[in-house]
N, C-alpha and C. Protein backbone atom coordinates (compact mmCIF):
# COMPACT_ATOMS: atom_id res chain seq x y z
N MET A 1 12.92 -214.96 -172.50
CA MET A 1 14.29 -215.05 -172.98
C MET A 1 14.24 -215.43 -174.46
N LYS A 2 15.04 -214.72 -175.24
CA LYS A 2 15.09 -214.99 -176.68
C LYS A 2 16.52 -215.38 -177.06
N ARG A 3 16.61 -216.38 -177.91
CA ARG A 3 17.91 -216.92 -178.34
C ARG A 3 18.43 -216.18 -179.57
N PHE A 4 19.73 -215.87 -179.54
CA PHE A 4 20.41 -215.25 -180.67
C PHE A 4 21.68 -216.04 -180.97
N GLU A 5 21.94 -216.25 -182.23
CA GLU A 5 23.11 -217.03 -182.65
C GLU A 5 24.37 -216.15 -182.72
N MET A 6 25.48 -216.76 -183.01
CA MET A 6 26.80 -216.14 -183.01
C MET A 6 26.85 -214.78 -183.72
N MET A 7 26.33 -214.73 -184.91
CA MET A 7 26.45 -213.50 -185.72
C MET A 7 25.34 -212.49 -185.42
N GLU A 8 24.58 -212.70 -184.37
CA GLU A 8 23.46 -211.82 -184.04
C GLU A 8 23.69 -211.01 -182.76
N LEU A 9 24.94 -210.69 -182.46
CA LEU A 9 25.26 -209.95 -181.24
C LEU A 9 24.53 -208.61 -181.19
N ARG A 10 24.57 -207.86 -182.26
CA ARG A 10 23.91 -206.54 -182.26
C ARG A 10 22.42 -206.66 -181.97
N ALA A 11 21.78 -207.65 -182.57
CA ALA A 11 20.35 -207.86 -182.34
C ALA A 11 20.09 -208.27 -180.89
N ALA A 12 20.97 -209.09 -180.32
CA ALA A 12 20.81 -209.53 -178.94
C ALA A 12 20.95 -208.35 -177.99
N VAL A 13 21.94 -207.50 -178.22
CA VAL A 13 22.13 -206.31 -177.39
C VAL A 13 20.93 -205.38 -177.52
N ALA A 14 20.46 -205.17 -178.74
CA ALA A 14 19.30 -204.31 -178.96
C ALA A 14 18.07 -204.85 -178.24
N TYR A 15 17.88 -206.15 -178.29
CA TYR A 15 16.75 -206.79 -177.61
C TYR A 15 16.83 -206.55 -176.10
N SER A 16 18.03 -206.69 -175.55
CA SER A 16 18.24 -206.46 -174.13
C SER A 16 17.99 -205.00 -173.76
N VAL A 17 18.51 -204.08 -174.55
CA VAL A 17 18.33 -202.65 -174.30
C VAL A 17 16.84 -202.28 -174.36
N ALA A 18 16.09 -202.96 -175.21
CA ALA A 18 14.65 -202.69 -175.35
C ALA A 18 13.83 -203.32 -174.21
N GLY A 19 14.50 -204.00 -173.28
CA GLY A 19 13.81 -204.54 -172.12
C GLY A 19 13.69 -206.05 -172.08
N GLY A 20 14.23 -206.73 -173.07
CA GLY A 20 14.16 -208.19 -173.10
C GLY A 20 15.38 -208.83 -172.45
N GLN A 21 15.33 -210.14 -172.41
CA GLN A 21 16.45 -210.92 -171.91
C GLN A 21 16.94 -211.78 -173.06
N ALA A 22 18.20 -211.64 -173.43
CA ALA A 22 18.75 -212.30 -174.61
C ALA A 22 19.80 -213.33 -174.24
N LEU A 23 19.74 -214.47 -174.90
CA LEU A 23 20.76 -215.50 -174.77
C LEU A 23 21.55 -215.50 -176.07
N HIS A 24 22.79 -215.00 -176.01
CA HIS A 24 23.63 -214.91 -177.21
C HIS A 24 24.66 -216.03 -177.18
N LEU A 25 24.52 -217.00 -178.10
CA LEU A 25 25.43 -218.13 -178.19
C LEU A 25 26.67 -217.73 -178.98
N HIS A 26 27.82 -218.21 -178.54
CA HIS A 26 29.03 -217.91 -179.30
C HIS A 26 30.11 -218.95 -179.06
N THR A 27 31.06 -218.95 -179.98
CA THR A 27 32.19 -219.89 -179.90
C THR A 27 33.51 -219.18 -179.67
N LEU A 28 33.47 -217.86 -179.56
CA LEU A 28 34.69 -217.10 -179.33
C LEU A 28 34.93 -216.94 -177.84
N ASN A 29 35.54 -217.95 -177.22
CA ASN A 29 35.77 -217.87 -175.79
C ASN A 29 37.17 -217.39 -175.45
N MET A 30 37.94 -217.03 -176.43
CA MET A 30 39.27 -216.43 -176.26
C MET A 30 40.17 -217.23 -175.32
N GLY A 31 39.96 -218.53 -175.28
CA GLY A 31 40.80 -219.38 -174.45
C GLY A 31 40.58 -219.23 -172.96
N HIS A 32 39.44 -218.66 -172.57
CA HIS A 32 39.14 -218.48 -171.16
C HIS A 32 39.21 -219.84 -170.47
N PRO A 33 39.98 -219.96 -169.40
CA PRO A 33 40.19 -221.27 -168.78
C PRO A 33 38.91 -221.94 -168.27
N LEU A 34 37.91 -221.17 -167.89
CA LEU A 34 36.67 -221.77 -167.41
C LEU A 34 35.87 -222.43 -168.52
N PHE A 35 36.12 -222.03 -169.75
CA PHE A 35 35.29 -222.50 -170.85
C PHE A 35 36.03 -223.38 -171.85
N ARG A 36 37.24 -223.80 -171.54
CA ARG A 36 38.03 -224.59 -172.49
C ARG A 36 37.32 -225.86 -172.93
N ARG A 37 36.59 -226.48 -172.04
CA ARG A 37 35.96 -227.75 -172.41
C ARG A 37 34.60 -227.59 -173.07
N TYR A 38 34.14 -226.35 -173.24
CA TYR A 38 32.84 -226.10 -173.86
C TYR A 38 33.02 -225.43 -175.22
N PRO A 39 32.66 -226.09 -176.31
CA PRO A 39 32.83 -225.49 -177.64
C PRO A 39 31.88 -224.33 -177.91
N VAL A 40 30.73 -224.32 -177.23
CA VAL A 40 29.77 -223.23 -177.37
C VAL A 40 29.39 -222.76 -175.97
N ILE A 41 29.46 -221.46 -175.76
CA ILE A 41 29.04 -220.86 -174.50
C ILE A 41 28.06 -219.74 -174.83
N ALA A 42 27.61 -219.02 -173.82
CA ALA A 42 26.64 -217.97 -174.09
C ALA A 42 26.77 -216.83 -173.10
N HIS A 43 26.27 -215.69 -173.54
CA HIS A 43 26.08 -214.53 -172.66
C HIS A 43 24.59 -214.40 -172.44
N LEU A 44 24.19 -214.24 -171.19
CA LEU A 44 22.82 -213.91 -170.85
C LEU A 44 22.80 -212.40 -170.65
N LEU A 45 22.24 -211.69 -171.62
CA LEU A 45 22.22 -210.23 -171.61
C LEU A 45 20.91 -209.72 -171.03
N ASP A 46 21.00 -208.74 -170.14
CA ASP A 46 19.80 -208.15 -169.54
C ASP A 46 20.20 -206.83 -168.90
N GLN A 47 19.41 -205.79 -169.10
CA GLN A 47 19.67 -204.49 -168.49
C GLN A 47 19.10 -204.41 -167.08
N ASP A 48 18.19 -205.29 -166.74
CA ASP A 48 17.59 -205.33 -165.41
C ASP A 48 18.46 -206.23 -164.53
N MET A 49 19.27 -205.60 -163.67
CA MET A 49 20.24 -206.35 -162.86
C MET A 49 19.57 -207.41 -161.99
N ALA A 50 18.47 -207.07 -161.34
CA ALA A 50 17.81 -208.04 -160.46
C ALA A 50 17.29 -209.23 -161.26
N ARG A 51 16.71 -208.97 -162.42
CA ARG A 51 16.20 -210.07 -163.26
C ARG A 51 17.35 -210.91 -163.79
N LEU A 52 18.45 -210.26 -164.20
CA LEU A 52 19.62 -210.98 -164.70
C LEU A 52 20.16 -211.93 -163.64
N GLN A 53 20.36 -211.41 -162.44
CA GLN A 53 20.88 -212.25 -161.36
C GLN A 53 19.89 -213.33 -160.96
N GLY A 54 18.60 -212.99 -160.95
CA GLY A 54 17.57 -213.97 -160.61
C GLY A 54 17.50 -215.11 -161.60
N THR A 55 17.60 -214.78 -162.89
CA THR A 55 17.58 -215.82 -163.92
C THR A 55 18.82 -216.70 -163.81
N ALA A 56 19.98 -216.08 -163.61
CA ALA A 56 21.22 -216.85 -163.46
C ALA A 56 21.10 -217.82 -162.29
N LEU A 57 20.52 -217.36 -161.21
CA LEU A 57 20.32 -218.22 -160.04
C LEU A 57 19.38 -219.37 -160.37
N LYS A 58 18.26 -219.09 -161.05
CA LYS A 58 17.31 -220.13 -161.46
C LYS A 58 17.95 -221.15 -162.39
N LEU A 59 18.91 -220.69 -163.20
CA LEU A 59 19.58 -221.59 -164.14
C LEU A 59 20.61 -222.47 -163.44
N GLY A 60 20.97 -222.13 -162.21
CA GLY A 60 21.92 -222.94 -161.46
C GLY A 60 23.35 -222.42 -161.49
N VAL A 61 23.53 -221.15 -161.86
CA VAL A 61 24.87 -220.56 -161.82
C VAL A 61 25.27 -220.44 -160.36
N LYS A 62 26.41 -221.03 -160.02
CA LYS A 62 26.85 -221.06 -158.62
C LYS A 62 27.50 -219.75 -158.19
N VAL A 63 28.30 -219.16 -159.06
CA VAL A 63 28.94 -217.88 -158.77
C VAL A 63 28.49 -216.92 -159.87
N ILE A 64 27.65 -215.98 -159.49
CA ILE A 64 27.10 -215.04 -160.48
C ILE A 64 28.03 -213.83 -160.56
N LYS A 65 28.69 -213.72 -161.71
CA LYS A 65 29.58 -212.58 -161.96
C LYS A 65 29.03 -211.82 -163.16
N VAL A 66 28.52 -210.64 -162.90
CA VAL A 66 27.98 -209.82 -163.98
C VAL A 66 29.12 -209.07 -164.63
N GLU A 67 29.22 -209.20 -165.94
CA GLU A 67 30.26 -208.55 -166.73
C GLU A 67 29.70 -207.29 -167.39
N LYS A 68 30.56 -206.32 -167.63
CA LYS A 68 30.23 -205.07 -168.34
C LYS A 68 29.03 -204.36 -167.72
N ILE A 69 29.04 -204.27 -166.39
CA ILE A 69 27.95 -203.66 -165.64
C ILE A 69 27.70 -202.23 -166.12
N GLY A 70 26.42 -201.92 -166.32
CA GLY A 70 26.02 -200.57 -166.70
C GLY A 70 26.17 -200.24 -168.16
N THR A 71 26.56 -201.22 -168.98
CA THR A 71 26.68 -201.00 -170.42
C THR A 71 25.58 -201.78 -171.13
N PRO A 72 25.35 -201.50 -172.41
CA PRO A 72 24.36 -202.29 -173.15
C PRO A 72 24.71 -203.78 -173.23
N GLU A 73 25.97 -204.13 -173.01
CA GLU A 73 26.41 -205.52 -173.08
C GLU A 73 26.50 -206.18 -171.70
N GLN A 74 25.80 -205.64 -170.71
CA GLN A 74 25.78 -206.23 -169.37
C GLN A 74 25.29 -207.67 -169.46
N HIS A 75 26.06 -208.60 -168.90
CA HIS A 75 25.73 -210.02 -169.06
C HIS A 75 26.35 -210.90 -168.00
N VAL A 76 25.87 -212.15 -167.97
CA VAL A 76 26.46 -213.23 -167.19
C VAL A 76 26.87 -214.30 -168.19
N ASP A 77 28.07 -214.86 -168.04
CA ASP A 77 28.53 -215.95 -168.90
C ASP A 77 27.86 -217.25 -168.46
N LEU A 78 27.49 -218.06 -169.46
CA LEU A 78 26.87 -219.36 -169.18
C LEU A 78 27.59 -220.47 -169.92
N CYS A 79 27.72 -221.61 -169.27
CA CYS A 79 28.24 -222.82 -169.90
C CYS A 79 27.68 -224.01 -169.13
N GLY A 80 27.92 -225.21 -169.61
CA GLY A 80 27.51 -226.42 -168.91
C GLY A 80 26.01 -226.51 -168.69
N ALA A 81 25.61 -227.03 -167.52
CA ALA A 81 24.19 -227.26 -167.21
C ALA A 81 23.36 -225.96 -167.21
N PRO A 82 23.87 -224.84 -166.65
CA PRO A 82 23.08 -223.60 -166.72
C PRO A 82 22.82 -223.17 -168.17
N PHE A 83 23.80 -223.36 -169.03
CA PHE A 83 23.64 -223.03 -170.45
C PHE A 83 22.58 -223.92 -171.08
N ASP A 84 22.62 -225.21 -170.78
CA ASP A 84 21.61 -226.14 -171.31
C ASP A 84 20.21 -225.76 -170.84
N ARG A 85 20.08 -225.37 -169.56
CA ARG A 85 18.77 -224.96 -169.04
C ARG A 85 18.28 -223.69 -169.74
N ALA A 86 19.19 -222.76 -170.00
CA ALA A 86 18.83 -221.51 -170.68
C ALA A 86 18.32 -221.78 -172.09
N LYS A 87 18.98 -222.70 -172.80
CA LYS A 87 18.51 -223.04 -174.15
C LYS A 87 17.10 -223.61 -174.10
N THR A 88 16.80 -224.40 -173.08
CA THR A 88 15.46 -224.96 -172.92
C THR A 88 14.45 -223.85 -172.62
N MET A 89 14.83 -222.89 -171.79
CA MET A 89 13.94 -221.77 -171.46
C MET A 89 13.59 -220.96 -172.70
N CYS A 90 14.50 -220.87 -173.64
CA CYS A 90 14.25 -220.11 -174.86
C CYS A 90 13.12 -220.72 -175.68
N ASN A 91 12.86 -221.98 -175.50
CA ASN A 91 11.80 -222.67 -176.24
C ASN A 91 10.44 -222.53 -175.58
N ALA A 92 10.41 -222.02 -174.34
CA ALA A 92 9.15 -221.89 -173.61
C ALA A 92 8.55 -220.51 -173.81
N PRO A 93 7.23 -220.41 -173.83
CA PRO A 93 6.60 -219.09 -173.92
C PRO A 93 7.01 -218.23 -172.72
N GLU A 94 7.22 -216.94 -172.92
CA GLU A 94 7.69 -216.05 -171.85
C GLU A 94 6.73 -216.03 -170.66
N LEU A 95 5.45 -216.21 -170.88
CA LEU A 95 4.50 -216.18 -169.78
C LEU A 95 4.75 -217.30 -168.78
N GLU A 96 5.30 -218.42 -169.25
CA GLU A 96 5.58 -219.54 -168.37
C GLU A 96 6.88 -219.34 -167.58
N LEU A 97 7.71 -218.42 -168.02
CA LEU A 97 9.01 -218.24 -167.39
C LEU A 97 8.96 -217.36 -166.16
N GLY A 98 7.92 -216.54 -166.05
CA GLY A 98 7.87 -215.60 -164.95
C GLY A 98 8.92 -214.52 -165.09
N VAL A 99 9.34 -214.25 -166.31
CA VAL A 99 10.37 -213.25 -166.58
C VAL A 99 9.74 -212.07 -167.27
C-alpha cells in the first residue's frame, strides 16, 4: 500500500490501475454524515476487488462498501481506527503486508 496526499489523486488512481493499492488522503468529505467528526479521511483504491475487500477487512472496516465499482476510482472509504491502521501499513515494506 502506498500513501498519496490530497493533491495526488491522479497519481493514486494511476498507481491502483497499474496494480498497486493506494491510500489517498483527503479533506473533501462533502459533509458526508459518517465523516463529520473526521477532518481527514481516505479512499483505499484498488482494482483487485478481492484484495480491496480483504485489506478493508484486515483494517477493521465493519461494513465494506465498495464505491465506483469497475472504474479506475474503485475504492473503500476509510476513517477512524481503520484509517489509522492503513496509515501505519503504508510505512511497512510491502513484503510484510502480504499484499
